[in-house]
PDB file of N, CA and C in Angstrom:
ATOM      1  N   ARG A   1     -13.921 -10.688   0.304  1.00  0.00           N
ATOM      2  CA  ARG A   1     -14.778  -9.618   0.802  1.00  0.00           C
ATOM      3  C   ARG A   1     -15.661 -10.151   1.914  1.00  0.00           C
ATOM      4  N   ASP A   2     -15.853  -9.306   2.919  1.00  0.00           N
ATOM      5  CA  ASP A   2     -16.740  -9.715   3.994  1.00  0.00           C
ATOM      6  C   ASP A   2     -18.173  -9.275   3.671  1.00  0.00           C
ATOM      7  N   SER A   3     -19.088  -9.499   4.578  1.00  0.00           N
ATOM      8  CA  SER A   3     -20.497  -9.187   4.335  1.00  0.00           C
ATOM      9  C   SER A   3     -20.745  -7.690   4.148  1.00  0.00           C
ATOM     10  N   ARG A   4     -19.806  -6.848   4.587  1.00  0.00           N
ATOM     11  CA  ARG A   4     -19.952  -5.390   4.418  1.00  0.00           C
ATOM     12  C   ARG A   4     -19.265  -4.891   3.155  1.00  0.00           C
ATOM     13  N   GLY A   5     -18.679  -5.815   2.380  1.00  0.00           N
ATOM     14  CA  GLY A   5     -18.003  -5.431   1.157  1.00  0.00           C
ATOM     15  C   GLY A   5     -16.566  -4.985   1.375  1.00  0.00           C
ATOM     16  N   GLN A   6     -16.054  -5.153   2.573  1.00  0.00           N
ATOM     17  CA  GLN A   6     -14.679  -4.769   2.858  1.00  0.00           C
ATOM     18  C   GLN A   6     -13.739  -5.906   2.493  1.00  0.00           C
ATOM     19  N   LYS A   7     -12.620  -5.538   1.887  1.00  0.00           N
ATOM     20  CA  LYS A   7     -11.649  -6.546   1.476  1.00  0.00           C
ATOM     21  C   LYS A   7     -10.464  -6.512   2.430  1.00  0.00           C
ATOM     22  N   TYR A   8      -9.967  -7.685   2.766  1.00  0.00           N
ATOM     23  CA  TYR A   8      -8.810  -7.760   3.648  1.00  0.00           C
ATOM     24  C   TYR A   8      -7.975  -8.960   3.244  1.00  0.00           C
ATOM     25  N   ARG A   9      -6.741  -8.971   3.679  1.00  0.00           N
ATOM     26  CA  ARG A   9      -5.824 -10.072   3.400  1.00  0.00           C
ATOM     27  C   ARG A   9      -5.329 -10.635   4.722  1.00  0.00           C
ATOM     28  N   ILE A  10      -5.281 -11.941   4.787  1.00  0.00           N
ATOM     29  CA  ILE A  10      -4.712 -12.622   5.936  1.00  0.00           C
ATOM     30  C   ILE A  10      -3.782 -13.686   5.379  1.00  0.00           C
ATOM     31  N   GLY A  11      -2.612 -13.791   5.944  1.00  0.00           N
ATOM     32  CA  GLY A  11      -1.701 -14.798   5.444  1.00  0.00           C
ATOM     33  C   GLY A  11      -0.410 -14.828   6.226  1.00  0.00           C
ATOM     34  N   VAL A  12       0.494 -15.638   5.751  1.00  0.00           N
ATOM     35  CA  VAL A  12       1.805 -15.793   6.368  1.00  0.00           C
ATOM     36  C   VAL A  12       2.840 -15.539   5.286  1.00  0.00           C
ATOM     37  N   TRP A  13       3.862 -14.767   5.639  1.00  0.00           N
ATOM     38  CA  TRP A  13       4.931 -14.500   4.683  1.00  0.00           C
ATOM     39  C   TRP A  13       5.741 -15.764   4.457  1.00  0.00           C
ATOM     40  N   THR A  14       6.206 -15.941   3.227  1.00  0.00           N
ATOM     41  CA  THR A  14       7.126 -17.042   2.944  1.00  0.00           C
ATOM     42  C   THR A  14       8.457 -16.735   3.619  1.00  0.00           C
ATOM     43  N   ALA A  15       9.345 -17.711   3.656  1.00  0.00           N
ATOM     44  CA  ALA A  15      10.665 -17.492   4.258  1.00  0.00           C
ATOM     45  C   ALA A  15      11.405 -16.368   3.543  1.00  0.00           C
ATOM     46  N   GLU A  16      11.303 -16.326   2.229  1.00  0.00           N
ATOM     47  CA  GLU A  16      11.966 -15.261   1.454  1.00  0.00           C
ATOM     48  C   GLU A  16      11.337 -13.895   1.730  1.00  0.00           C
ATOM     49  N   GLU A  17      10.007 -13.835   1.744  1.00  0.00           N
ATOM     50  CA  GLU A  17       9.319 -12.559   2.001  1.00  0.00           C
ATOM     51  C   GLU A  17       9.600 -12.050   3.412  1.00  0.00           C
ATOM     52  N   SER A  18       9.762 -12.959   4.348  1.00  0.00           N
ATOM     53  CA  SER A  18      10.034 -12.570   5.739  1.00  0.00           C
ATOM     54  C   SER A  18      11.363 -11.842   5.879  1.00  0.00           C
ATOM     55  N   LYS A  19      12.248 -12.045   4.930  1.00  0.00           N
ATOM     56  CA  LYS A  19      13.558 -11.380   4.960  1.00  0.00           C
ATOM     57  C   LYS A  19      13.490  -9.936   4.467  1.00  0.00           C
ATOM     58  N   GLU A  20      12.389  -9.578   3.813  1.00  0.00           N
ATOM     59  CA  GLU A  20      12.270  -8.221   3.269  1.00  0.00           C
ATOM     60  C   GLU A  20      12.042  -7.216   4.388  1.00  0.00           C
ATOM     61  N   SER A  21      12.234  -5.959   4.065  1.00  0.00           N
ATOM     62  CA  SER A  21      12.076  -4.900   5.064  1.00  0.00           C
ATOM     63  C   SER A  21      10.621  -4.778   5.512  1.00  0.00           C
ATOM     64  N   ALA A  22      10.443  -4.198   6.679  1.00  0.00           N
ATOM     65  CA  ALA A  22       9.086  -3.956   7.184  1.00  0.00           C
ATOM     66  C   ALA A  22       8.327  -3.049   6.233  1.00  0.00           C
ATOM     67  N   HIS A  23       9.026  -2.104   5.613  1.00  0.00           N
ATOM     68  CA  HIS A  23       8.377  -1.206   4.650  1.00  0.00           C
ATOM     69  C   HIS A  23       7.804  -2.019   3.489  1.00  0.00           C
ATOM     70  N   TRP A  24       8.600  -2.947   2.965  1.00  0.00           N
ATOM     71  CA  TRP A  24       8.141  -3.779   1.856  1.00  0.00           C
ATOM     72  C   TRP A  24       6.959  -4.636   2.298  1.00  0.00           C
ATOM     73  N   ARG A  25       7.054  -5.256   3.477  1.00  0.00           N
ATOM     74  CA  ARG A  25       5.987  -6.155   3.955  1.00  0.00           C
ATOM     75  C   ARG A  25       4.684  -5.405   4.226  1.00  0.00           C
ATOM     76  N   GLU A  26       4.758  -4.151   4.636  1.00  0.00           N
ATOM     77  CA  GLU A  26       3.532  -3.390   4.868  1.00  0.00           C
ATOM     78  C   GLU A  26       2.953  -2.836   3.566  1.00  0.00           C
ATOM     79  N   PHE A  27       3.811  -2.495   2.611  1.00  0.00           N
ATOM     80  CA  PHE A  27       3.343  -1.867   1.379  1.00  0.00           C
ATOM     81  C   PHE A  27       2.911  -2.885   0.317  1.00  0.00           C
ATOM     82  N   ALA A  28       3.558  -4.042   0.276  1.00  0.00           N
ATOM     83  CA  ALA A  28       3.258  -5.034  -0.762  1.00  0.00           C
ATOM     84  C   ALA A  28       1.779  -5.441  -0.798  1.00  0.00           C
ATOM     85  N   PRO A  29       1.162  -5.793   0.334  1.00  0.00           N
ATOM     86  CA  PRO A  29      -0.252  -6.186   0.263  1.00  0.00           C
ATOM     87  C   PRO A  29      -1.158  -5.057  -0.244  1.00  0.00           C
ATOM     88  N   LEU A  30      -0.812  -3.827   0.061  1.00  0.00           N
ATOM     89  CA  LEU A  30      -1.602  -2.701  -0.444  1.00  0.00           C
ATOM     90  C   LEU A  30      -1.488  -2.617  -1.962  1.00  0.00           C
ATOM     91  N   VAL A  31      -0.270  -2.742  -2.476  1.00  0.00           N
ATOM     92  CA  VAL A  31      -0.066  -2.699  -3.930  1.00  0.00           C
ATOM     93  C   VAL A  31      -0.838  -3.827  -4.597  1.00  0.00           C
ATOM     94  N   TRP A  32      -0.734  -5.025  -4.053  1.00  0.00           N
ATOM     95  CA  TRP A  32      -1.436  -6.172  -4.646  1.00  0.00           C
ATOM     96  C   TRP A  32      -2.947  -5.957  -4.637  1.00  0.00           C
ATOM     97  N   THR A  33      -3.462  -5.421  -3.544  1.00  0.00           N
ATOM     98  CA  THR A  33      -4.901  -5.191  -3.430  1.00  0.00           C
ATOM     99  C   THR A  33      -5.358  -4.110  -4.399  1.00  0.00           C
ATOM    100  N   VAL A  34      -4.608  -3.028  -4.487  1.00  0.00           N
ATOM    101  CA  VAL A  34      -4.966  -1.951  -5.419  1.00  0.00           C
ATOM    102  C   VAL A  34      -4.947  -2.470  -6.850  1.00  0.00           C
ATOM    103  N   GLU A  35      -3.952  -3.264  -7.201  1.00  0.00           N
ATOM    104  CA  GLU A  35      -3.902  -3.853  -8.547  1.00  0.00           C
ATOM    105  C   GLU A  35      -5.148  -4.695  -8.822  1.00  0.00           C
ATOM    106  N   GLU A  36      -5.510  -5.557  -7.884  1.00  0.00           N
ATOM    107  CA  GLU A  36      -6.683  -6.416  -8.059  1.00  0.00           C
ATOM    108  C   GLU A  36      -7.968  -5.598  -8.173  1.00  0.00           C
ATOM    109  N   GLU A  37      -8.123  -4.623  -7.304  1.00  0.00           N
ATOM    110  CA  GLU A  37      -9.330  -3.785  -7.337  1.00  0.00           C
ATOM    111  C   GLU A  37      -9.411  -3.009  -8.655  1.00  0.00           C
ATOM    112  N   ALA A  38      -8.273  -2.500  -9.114  1.00  0.00           N
ATOM    113  CA  ALA A  38      -8.248  -1.756 -10.380  1.00  0.00           C
ATOM    114  C   ALA A  38      -8.593  -2.676 -11.548  1.00  0.00           C
ATOM    115  N   GLU A  39      -7.981  -3.860 -11.576  1.00  0.00           N
ATOM    116  CA  GLU A  39      -8.257  -4.817 -12.652  1.00  0.00           C
ATOM    117  C   GLU A  39      -9.722  -5.243 -12.672  1.00  0.00           C
ATOM    118  N   ASP A  40     -10.351  -5.288 -11.498  1.00  0.00           N
ATOM    119  CA  ASP A  40     -11.764  -5.659 -11.406  1.00  0.00           C
ATOM    120  C   ASP A  40     -12.696  -4.478 -11.678  1.00  0.00           C
ATOM    121  N   GLY A  41     -12.113  -3.316 -11.986  1.00  0.00           N
ATOM    122  CA  GLY A  41     -12.914  -2.148 -12.368  1.00  0.00           C
ATOM    123  C   GLY A  41     -13.498  -1.346 -11.219  1.00  0.00           C
ATOM    124  N   ARG A  42     -13.038  -1.591 -10.012  1.00  0.00           N
ATOM    125  CA  ARG A  42     -13.618  -0.890  -8.865  1.00  0.00           C
ATOM    126  C   ARG A  42     -12.924   0.432  -8.526  1.00  0.00           C
ATOM    127  N   LEU A  43     -11.855   0.778  -9.243  1.00  0.00           N
ATOM    128  CA  LEU A  43     -11.158   2.023  -8.922  1.00  0.00           C
ATOM    129  C   LEU A  43     -11.231   3.070 -10.035  1.00  0.00           C
ATOM    130  N   THR A  44     -11.831   2.734 -11.153  1.00  0.00           N
ATOM    131  CA  THR A  44     -11.907   3.670 -12.268  1.00  0.00           C
ATOM    132  C   THR A  44     -12.583   4.954 -11.842  1.00  0.00           C
ATOM    133  N   ASP A  45     -11.918   6.070 -12.157  1.00  0.00           N
ATOM    134  CA  ASP A  45     -12.413   7.419 -11.826  1.00  0.00           C
ATOM    135  C   ASP A  45     -12.683   7.595 -10.334  1.00  0.00           C
ATOM    136  N   THR A  46     -11.803   7.051  -9.498  1.00  0.00           N
ATOM    137  CA  THR A  46     -11.938   7.204  -8.056  1.00  0.00           C
ATOM    138  C   THR A  46     -10.682   7.867  -7.488  1.00  0.00           C
ATOM    139  N   ARG A  47     -10.737   8.143  -6.225  1.00  0.00           N
ATOM    140  CA  ARG A  47      -9.587   8.662  -5.488  1.00  0.00           C
ATOM    141  C   ARG A  47      -9.311   7.701  -4.340  1.00  0.00           C
ATOM    142  N   VAL A  48      -8.088   7.195  -4.281  1.00  0.00           N
ATOM    143  CA  VAL A  48      -7.656   6.317  -3.202  1.00  0.00           C
ATOM    144  C   VAL A  48      -6.896   7.184  -2.210  1.00  0.00           C
ATOM    145  N   ILE A  49      -7.323   7.154  -0.966  1.00  0.00           N
ATOM    146  CA  ILE A  49      -6.640   7.923   0.075  1.00  0.00           C
ATOM    147  C   ILE A  49      -5.937   6.935   0.985  1.00  0.00           C
ATOM    148  N   MET A  50      -4.635   7.083   1.075  1.00  0.00           N
ATOM    149  CA  MET A  50      -3.812   6.141   1.825  1.00  0.00           C
ATOM    150  C   MET A  50      -3.140   6.854   2.988  1.00  0.00           C
ATOM    151  N   PHE A  51      -3.252   6.269   4.162  1.00  0.00           N
ATOM    152  CA  PHE A  51      -2.570   6.763   5.354  1.00  0.00           C
ATOM    153  C   PHE A  51      -1.558   5.710   5.764  1.00  0.00           C
ATOM    154  N   THR A  52      -0.330   6.108   6.007  1.00  0.00           N
ATOM    155  CA  THR A  52       0.706   5.157   6.388  1.00  0.00           C
ATOM    156  C   THR A  52       1.572   5.734   7.496  1.00  0.00           C
ATOM    157  N   ASP A  53       2.049   4.854   8.365  1.00  0.00           N
ATOM    158  CA  ASP A  53       2.997   5.299   9.380  1.00  0.00           C
ATOM    159  C   ASP A  53       4.434   5.107   8.896  1.00  0.00           C
ATOM    160  N   SER A  54       4.591   4.671   7.645  1.00  0.00           N
ATOM    161  CA  SER A  54       5.919   4.492   7.066  1.00  0.00           C
ATOM    162  C   SER A  54       6.297   5.730   6.268  1.00  0.00           C
ATOM    163  N   PHE A  55       7.154   6.539   6.857  1.00  0.00           N
ATOM    164  CA  PHE A  55       7.621   7.733   6.156  1.00  0.00           C
ATOM    165  C   PHE A  55       8.367   7.331   4.884  1.00  0.00           C
ATOM    166  N   THR A  56       9.066   6.203   4.923  1.00  0.00           N
ATOM    167  CA  THR A  56       9.798   5.712   3.756  1.00  0.00           C
ATOM    168  C   THR A  56       8.849   5.431   2.596  1.00  0.00           C
ATOM    169  N   VAL A  57       7.742   4.753   2.870  1.00  0.00           N
ATOM    170  CA  VAL A  57       6.761   4.455   1.822  1.00  0.00           C
ATOM    171  C   VAL A  57       6.105   5.736   1.330  1.00  0.00           C
ATOM    172  N   GLU A  58       5.736   6.621   2.241  1.00  0.00           N
ATOM    173  CA  GLU A  58       5.102   7.885   1.855  1.00  0.00           C
ATOM    174  C   GLU A  58       6.018   8.682   0.937  1.00  0.00           C
ATOM    175  N   ARG A  59       7.286   8.813   1.289  1.00  0.00           N
ATOM    176  CA  ARG A  59       8.247   9.561   0.466  1.00  0.00           C
ATOM    177  C   ARG A  59       8.461   8.868  -0.879  1.00  0.00           C
ATOM    178  N   ALA A  60       8.528   7.555  -0.873  1.00  0.00           N
ATOM    179  CA  ALA A  60       8.723   6.826  -2.126  1.00  0.00           C
ATOM    180  C   ALA A  60       7.568   7.072  -3.086  1.00  0.00           C
ATOM    181  N   LEU A  61       6.343   7.107  -2.563  1.00  0.00           N
ATOM    182  CA  LEU A  61       5.183   7.355  -3.420  1.00  0.00           C
ATOM    183  C   LEU A  61       5.117   8.802  -3.890  1.00  0.00           C
ATOM    184  N   VAL A  62       5.393   9.724  -2.995  1.00  0.00           N
ATOM    185  CA  VAL A  62       5.333  11.141  -3.362  1.00  0.00           C
ATOM    186  C   VAL A  62       6.446  11.482  -4.361  1.00  0.00           C
ATOM    187  N   ASN A  63       7.656  11.003  -4.093  1.00  0.00           N
ATOM    188  CA  ASN A  63       8.800  11.321  -4.953  1.00  0.00           C
ATOM    189  C   ASN A  63       8.938  10.387  -6.149  1.00  0.00           C
ATOM    190  N   GLY A  64       8.294   9.228  -6.084  1.00  0.00           N
ATOM    191  CA  GLY A  64       8.379   8.257  -7.177  1.00  0.00           C
ATOM    192  C   GLY A  64       9.713   7.534  -7.231  1.00  0.00           C
ATOM    193  N   THR A  65      10.440   7.520  -6.123  1.00  0.00           N
ATOM    194  CA  THR A  65      11.732   6.855  -6.098  1.00  0.00           C
ATOM    195  C   THR A  65      12.026   6.339  -4.694  1.00  0.00           C
ATOM    196  N   SER A  66      13.032   5.491  -4.595  1.00  0.00           N
ATOM    197  CA  SER A  66      13.452   4.945  -3.307  1.00  0.00           C
ATOM    198  C   SER A  66      14.885   4.457  -3.442  1.00  0.00           C
ATOM    199  N   LEU A  67      15.635   4.528  -2.350  1.00  0.00           N
ATOM    200  CA  LEU A  67      16.994   3.984  -2.348  1.00  0.00           C
ATOM    201  C   LEU A  67      16.987   2.462  -2.302  1.00  0.00           C
ATOM    202  N   SER A  68      15.854   1.886  -1.920  1.00  0.00           N
ATOM    203  CA  SER A  68      15.722   0.434  -1.883  1.00  0.00           C
ATOM    204  C   SER A  68      15.286  -0.063  -3.258  1.00  0.00           C
ATOM    205  N   PRO A  69      16.156  -0.777  -3.963  1.00  0.00           N
ATOM    206  CA  PRO A  69      15.771  -1.269  -5.295  1.00  0.00           C
ATOM    207  C   PRO A  69      14.500  -2.128  -5.266  1.00  0.00           C
ATOM    208  N   LEU A  70      14.358  -2.959  -4.255  1.00  0.00           N
ATOM    209  CA  LEU A  70      13.191  -3.832  -4.176  1.00  0.00           C
ATOM    210  C   LEU A  70      11.916  -3.027  -3.955  1.00  0.00           C
ATOM    211  N   LEU A  71      11.972  -2.065  -3.053  1.00  0.00           N
ATOM    212  CA  LEU A  71      10.807  -1.208  -2.800  1.00  0.00           C
ATOM    213  C   LEU A  71      10.453  -0.431  -4.064  1.00  0.00           C
ATOM    214  N   LEU A  72      11.471   0.089  -4.744  1.00  0.00           N
ATOM    215  CA  LEU A  72      11.234   0.875  -5.956  1.00  0.00           C
ATOM    216  C   LEU A  72      10.713   0.000  -7.091  1.00  0.00           C
ATOM    217  N   GLU A  73      11.428  -1.058  -7.411  1.00  0.00           N
ATOM    218  CA  GLU A  73      11.095  -1.864  -8.589  1.00  0.00           C
ATOM    219  C   GLU A  73       9.859  -2.731  -8.392  1.00  0.00           C
ATOM    220  N   ASP A  74       9.743  -3.352  -7.241  1.00  0.00           N
ATOM    221  CA  ASP A  74       8.615  -4.254  -6.999  1.00  0.00           C
ATOM    222  C   ASP A  74       7.321  -3.512  -6.697  1.00  0.00           C
ATOM    223  N   LEU A  75       7.421  -2.367  -6.029  1.00  0.00           N
ATOM    224  CA  LEU A  75       6.206  -1.769  -5.502  1.00  0.00           C
ATOM    225  C   LEU A  75       5.915  -0.366  -6.016  1.00  0.00           C
ATOM    226  N   VAL A  76       6.834   0.559  -5.874  1.00  0.00           N
ATOM    227  CA  VAL A  76       6.546   1.948  -6.242  1.00  0.00           C
ATOM    228  C   VAL A  76       6.257   2.076  -7.738  1.00  0.00           C
ATOM    229  N   ILE A  77       7.113   1.540  -8.561  1.00  0.00           N
ATOM    230  CA  ILE A  77       6.916   1.646 -10.016  1.00  0.00           C
ATOM    231  C   ILE A  77       5.617   0.946 -10.424  1.00  0.00           C
ATOM    232  N   CYS A  78       5.372  -0.212  -9.862  1.00  0.00           N
ATOM    233  CA  CYS A  78       4.150  -0.963 -10.158  1.00  0.00           C
ATOM    234  C   CYS A  78       2.919  -0.160  -9.738  1.00  0.00           C
ATOM    235  N   PHE A  79       2.945   0.385  -8.529  1.00  0.00           N
ATOM    236  CA  PHE A  79       1.835   1.172  -8.007  1.00  0.00           C
ATOM    237  C   PHE A  79       1.581   2.395  -8.873  1.00  0.00           C
ATOM    238  N   LYS A  80       2.657   3.080  -9.267  1.00  0.00           N
ATOM    239  CA  LYS A  80       2.526   4.278 -10.099  1.00  0.00           C
ATOM    240  C   LYS A  80       1.994   3.931 -11.493  1.00  0.00           C
ATOM    241  N   ALA A  81       2.355   2.789 -12.032  1.00  0.00           N
ATOM    242  CA  ALA A  81       1.921   2.389 -13.373  1.00  0.00           C
ATOM    243  C   ALA A  81       0.445   2.042 -13.430  1.00  0.00           C
ATOM    244  N   VAL A  82      -0.101   1.544 -12.344  1.00  0.00           N
ATOM    245  CA  VAL A  82      -1.501   1.128 -12.308  1.00  0.00           C
ATOM    246  C   VAL A  82      -2.439   2.337 -12.350  1.00  0.00           C
ATOM    247  N   GLN A  83      -2.028   3.452 -11.767  1.00  0.00           N
ATOM    248  CA  GLN A  83      -2.905   4.625 -11.659  1.00  0.00           C
ATOM    249  C   GLN A  83      -3.388   5.154 -13.013  1.00  0.00           C
ATOM    250  N   PRO A  84      -2.512   5.504 -13.944  1.00  0.00           N
ATOM    251  CA  PRO A  84      -3.031   6.008 -15.221  1.00  0.00           C
ATOM    252  C   PRO A  84      -3.720   4.927 -16.053  1.00  0.00           C
ATOM    253  N   LYS A  85      -3.262   3.697 -15.910  1.00  0.00           N
ATOM    254  CA  LYS A  85      -3.857   2.599 -16.682  1.00  0.00           C
ATOM    255  C   LYS A  85      -5.328   2.417 -16.342  1.00  0.00           C
ATOM    256  N   TYR A  86      -5.670   2.586 -15.055  1.00  0.00           N
ATOM    257  CA  TYR A  86      -7.046   2.370 -14.619  1.00  0.00           C
ATOM    258  C   TYR A  86      -7.747   3.657 -14.198  1.00  0.00           C
ATOM    259  N   SER A  87      -7.118   4.782 -14.459  1.00  0.00           N
ATOM    260  CA  SER A  87      -7.734   6.097 -14.270  1.00  0.00           C
ATOM    261  C   SER A  87      -8.241   6.344 -12.849  1.00  0.00           C
ATOM    262  N   PHE A  88      -7.321   6.262 -11.895  1.00  0.00           N
ATOM    263  CA  PHE A  88      -7.664   6.656 -10.538  1.00  0.00           C
ATOM    264  C   PHE A  88      -6.516   7.474  -9.962  1.00  0.00           C
ATOM    265  N   LYS A  89      -6.812   8.234  -8.948  1.00  0.00           N
ATOM    266  CA  LYS A  89      -5.823   9.099  -8.308  1.00  0.00           C
ATOM    267  C   LYS A  89      -5.534   8.568  -6.901  1.00  0.00           C
ATOM    268  N   VAL A  90      -4.337   8.848  -6.425  1.00  0.00           N
ATOM    269  CA  VAL A  90      -3.942   8.425  -5.088  1.00  0.00           C
ATOM    270  C   VAL A  90      -3.427   9.630  -4.313  1.00  0.00           C
ATOM    271  N   GLU A  91      -3.884   9.755  -3.099  1.00  0.00           N
ATOM    272  CA  GLU A  91      -3.334  10.729  -2.162  1.00  0.00           C
ATOM    273  C   GLU A  91      -2.763   9.937  -1.011  1.00  0.00           C
ATOM    274  N   VAL A  92      -1.531  10.231  -0.649  1.00  0.00           N
ATOM    275  CA  VAL A  92      -0.885   9.490   0.438  1.00  0.00           C
ATOM    276  C   VAL A  92      -0.470  10.472   1.524  1.00  0.00           C
ATOM    277  N   PHE A  93      -0.720  10.058   2.764  1.00  0.00           N
ATOM    278  CA  PHE A  93      -0.414  10.897   3.914  1.00  0.00           C
ATOM    279  C   PHE A  93       0.369  10.094   4.940  1.00  0.00           C
ATOM    280  N   HIS A  94       1.410  10.715   5.472  1.00  0.00           N
ATOM    281  CA  HIS A  94       2.144  10.091   6.562  1.00  0.00           C
ATOM    282  C   HIS A  94       1.468  10.456   7.880  1.00  0.00           C
ATOM    283  N   VAL A  95       1.216   9.455   8.689  1.00  0.00           N
ATOM    284  CA  VAL A  95       0.639   9.651  10.021  1.00  0.00           C
ATOM    285  C   VAL A  95       1.589   8.971  10.999  1.00  0.00           C
ATOM    286  N   ALA A  96       2.021   9.696  11.998  1.00  0.00           N
ATOM    287  CA  ALA A  96       2.961   9.135  12.973  1.00  0.00           C
ATOM    288  C   ALA A  96       2.404   7.858  13.593  1.00  0.00           C
ATOM    289  N   GLY A  97       3.279   6.874  13.763  1.00  0.00           N
ATOM    290  CA  GLY A  97       2.872   5.613  14.371  1.00  0.00           C
ATOM    291  C   GLY A  97       2.276   5.798  15.753  1.00  0.00           C
ATOM    292  N   THR A  98       2.799   6.768  16.499  1.00  0.00           N
ATOM    293  CA  THR A  98       2.256   7.015  17.844  1.00  0.00           C
ATOM    294  C   THR A  98       0.807   7.481  17.767  1.00  0.00           C
ATOM    295  N   ARG A  99       0.486   8.240  16.739  1.00  0.00           N
ATOM    296  CA  ARG A  99      -0.902   8.687  16.562  1.00  0.00           C
ATOM    297  C   ARG A  99      -1.798   7.511  16.190  1.00  0.00           C
ATOM    298  N   MET A 100      -1.306   6.627  15.315  1.00  0.00           N
ATOM    299  CA  MET A 100      -2.095   5.455  14.935  1.00  0.00           C
ATOM    300  C   MET A 100      -2.348   4.554  16.138  1.00  0.00           C
ATOM    301  N   ILE A 101      -1.342   4.389  16.968  1.00  0.00           N
ATOM    302  CA  ILE A 101      -1.484   3.571  18.176  1.00  0.00           C
ATOM    303  C   ILE A 101      -2.522   4.203  19.095  1.00  0.00           C
ATOM    304  N   ALA A 102      -2.426   5.511  19.289  1.00  0.00           N
ATOM    305  CA  ALA A 102      -3.349   6.213  20.189  1.00  0.00           C
ATOM    306  C   ALA A 102      -4.795   6.090  19.722  1.00  0.00           C
ATOM    307  N   GLN A 103      -5.027   6.112  18.428  1.00  0.00           N
ATOM    308  CA  GLN A 103      -6.409   6.026  17.935  1.00  0.00           C
ATOM    309  C   GLN A 103      -6.858   4.593  17.717  1.00  0.00           C
ATOM    310  N   GLY A 104      -5.935   3.627  17.816  1.00  0.00           N
ATOM    311  CA  GLY A 104      -6.319   2.219  17.740  1.00  0.00           C
ATOM    312  C   GLY A 104      -6.298   1.592  16.359  1.00  0.00           C
ATOM    313  N   THR A 105      -5.680   2.241  15.364  1.00  0.00           N
ATOM    314  CA  THR A 105      -5.674   1.670  14.021  1.00  0.00           C
ATOM    315  C   THR A 105      -4.332   1.069  13.622  1.00  0.00           C
ATOM    316  N   ASP A 106      -3.327   1.117  14.482  1.00  0.00           N
ATOM    317  CA  ASP A 106      -2.004   0.617  14.117  1.00  0.00           C
ATOM    318  C   ASP A 106      -2.026  -0.860  13.754  1.00  0.00           C
ATOM    319  N   GLY A 107      -2.763  -1.665  14.469  1.00  0.00           N
ATOM    320  CA  GLY A 107      -2.806  -3.091  14.215  1.00  0.00           C
ATOM    321  C   GLY A 107      -3.403  -3.467  12.867  1.00  0.00           C
ATOM    322  N   ILE A 108      -4.206  -2.580  12.272  1.00  0.00           N
ATOM    323  CA  ILE A 108      -4.843  -2.877  10.983  1.00  0.00           C
ATOM    324  C   ILE A 108      -3.802  -3.048   9.892  1.00  0.00           C
ATOM    325  N   SER A 109      -2.739  -2.242   9.925  1.00  0.00           N
ATOM    326  CA  SER A 109      -1.728  -2.311   8.862  1.00  0.00           C
ATOM    327  C   SER A 109      -0.785  -3.486   9.044  1.00  0.00           C
ATOM    328  N   LYS A 110      -0.837  -4.144  10.157  1.00  0.00           N
ATOM    329  CA  LYS A 110       0.086  -5.255  10.386  1.00  0.00           C
ATOM    330  C   LYS A 110      -0.557  -6.511   9.892  1.00  0.00           C
TER     331      LYS A 110
END
């Protein structure tokens, strides 16, 4: 956490992780962070609002499924299981990448 209480992750993907899809690489850190925040009690009775330029991730979360076994098993199922366990709600919205670039937030998700 920084001095403003904001949490962020910085790191380098392992050789194996680098082989995963861009969808997996963008969604995995969010899942890990949500799990940690929930376990630390910071998400109980809250609403998490997620904006993503990945239509694949947005559809996987809304539908609860994915054609990618890794995306489904490693991330979507895990993400969905954490919500009732820690009593928080998630709203996910797809935002076109061009819109994110225009407003200057595209680099944050990378």
